[in-house]
Amino acid sequence: MFGENVKRIRAEKDMTQAKVSELAKIHKRYYQDIESCKRVPSVVIAARLRRALQCEWSDLTEGL
């Protein structure tokens, strides 16, 4: 669900996966794995994603 929320927020903000991964300072493949729910990020990486997507924690954790 976390990855689905990340993907939804990214799409709403009209950002590419490459841009979000660059802003979050993570490898693009790792980011793709998060969006496809193959990986669950650490709290540190989740915080980077939150800043990159400029969203609230509640947006990322909705439905968890």
Protein backbone atom coordinates (compact mmCIF):
# COMPACT_ATOMS: atom_id res chain seq x y z
CA MET A 1 0.00 0.00 0.00
CA PHE A 2 2.87 2.39 0.74
CA GLY A 3 4.17 2.01 -2.81
CA GLU A 4 0.71 2.57 -4.26
CA ASN A 5 0.42 5.79 -2.27
CA VAL A 6 3.83 6.96 -3.51
CA LYS A 7 2.84 6.21 -7.10
CA ARG A 8 -0.50 8.03 -6.75
CA ILE A 9 1.07 11.13 -5.21
CA ARG A 10 3.79 11.21 -7.87
CA ALA A 11 1.18 10.99 -10.63
CA GLU A 12 -0.94 13.72 -9.02
CA LYS A 13 2.10 15.98 -8.99
CA ASP A 14 2.95 15.06 -12.60
CA MET A 15 6.47 13.96 -11.69
CA THR A 16 8.54 11.22 -13.30
CA GLN A 17 10.02 8.31 -11.39
CA ALA A 18 13.45 9.57 -12.38
CA LYS A 19 12.77 13.00 -10.89
CA VAL A 20 11.46 11.65 -7.58
CA SER A 21 14.34 9.21 -7.24
CA GLU A 22 16.81 12.00 -8.00
CA LEU A 23 15.25 14.31 -5.41
CA ALA A 24 15.13 11.51 -2.84
CA LYS A 25 18.74 10.55 -3.66
CA ILE A 26 17.94 6.89 -4.29
CA HIS A 27 18.60 4.68 -7.29
CA LYS A 28 15.80 4.71 -9.87
CA ARG A 29 15.48 0.89 -9.78
CA TYR A 30 15.05 0.96 -5.99
CA TYR A 31 12.36 3.60 -6.42
CA GLN A 32 10.59 1.49 -9.05
CA ASP A 33 10.63 -1.46 -6.65
CA ILE A 34 8.99 0.70 -3.98
CA GLU A 35 6.22 1.80 -6.35
CA SER A 36 5.60 -1.77 -7.46
CA CYS A 37 5.44 -2.89 -3.80
CA LYS A 38 8.44 -5.20 -4.20
CA ARG A 39 10.32 -3.30 -1.48
CA VAL A 40 9.35 -1.44 1.66
CA PRO A 41 11.65 1.51 2.30
CA SER A 42 13.34 2.25 5.59
CA VAL A 43 12.08 5.20 7.61
CA VAL A 44 15.01 7.26 6.35
CA ILE A 45 14.18 6.56 2.70
CA ALA A 46 10.47 7.15 3.35
CA ALA A 47 11.36 10.55 4.81
CA ARG A 48 13.38 11.39 1.69
CA LEU A 49 10.43 10.39 -0.47
CA ARG A 50 8.07 12.53 1.60
CA ARG A 51 10.33 15.55 1.10
CA ALA A 52 10.79 14.82 -2.62
CA LEU A 53 7.03 14.53 -3.12
CA GLN A 54 6.31 17.46 -0.78
CA CYS A 55 3.52 15.63 0.97
CA GLU A 56 2.43 14.74 4.50
CA TRP A 57 3.19 11.48 6.28
CA SER A 58 -0.54 10.78 6.37
CA ASP A 59 -0.61 10.90 2.55
CA LEU A 60 2.06 8.21 2.35
CA THR A 61 0.58 6.00 5.05
CA GLU A 62 -3.07 6.25 4.02
CA GLY A 63 -4.72 2.83 4.16
CA LEU A 64 -1.89 1.10 6.01
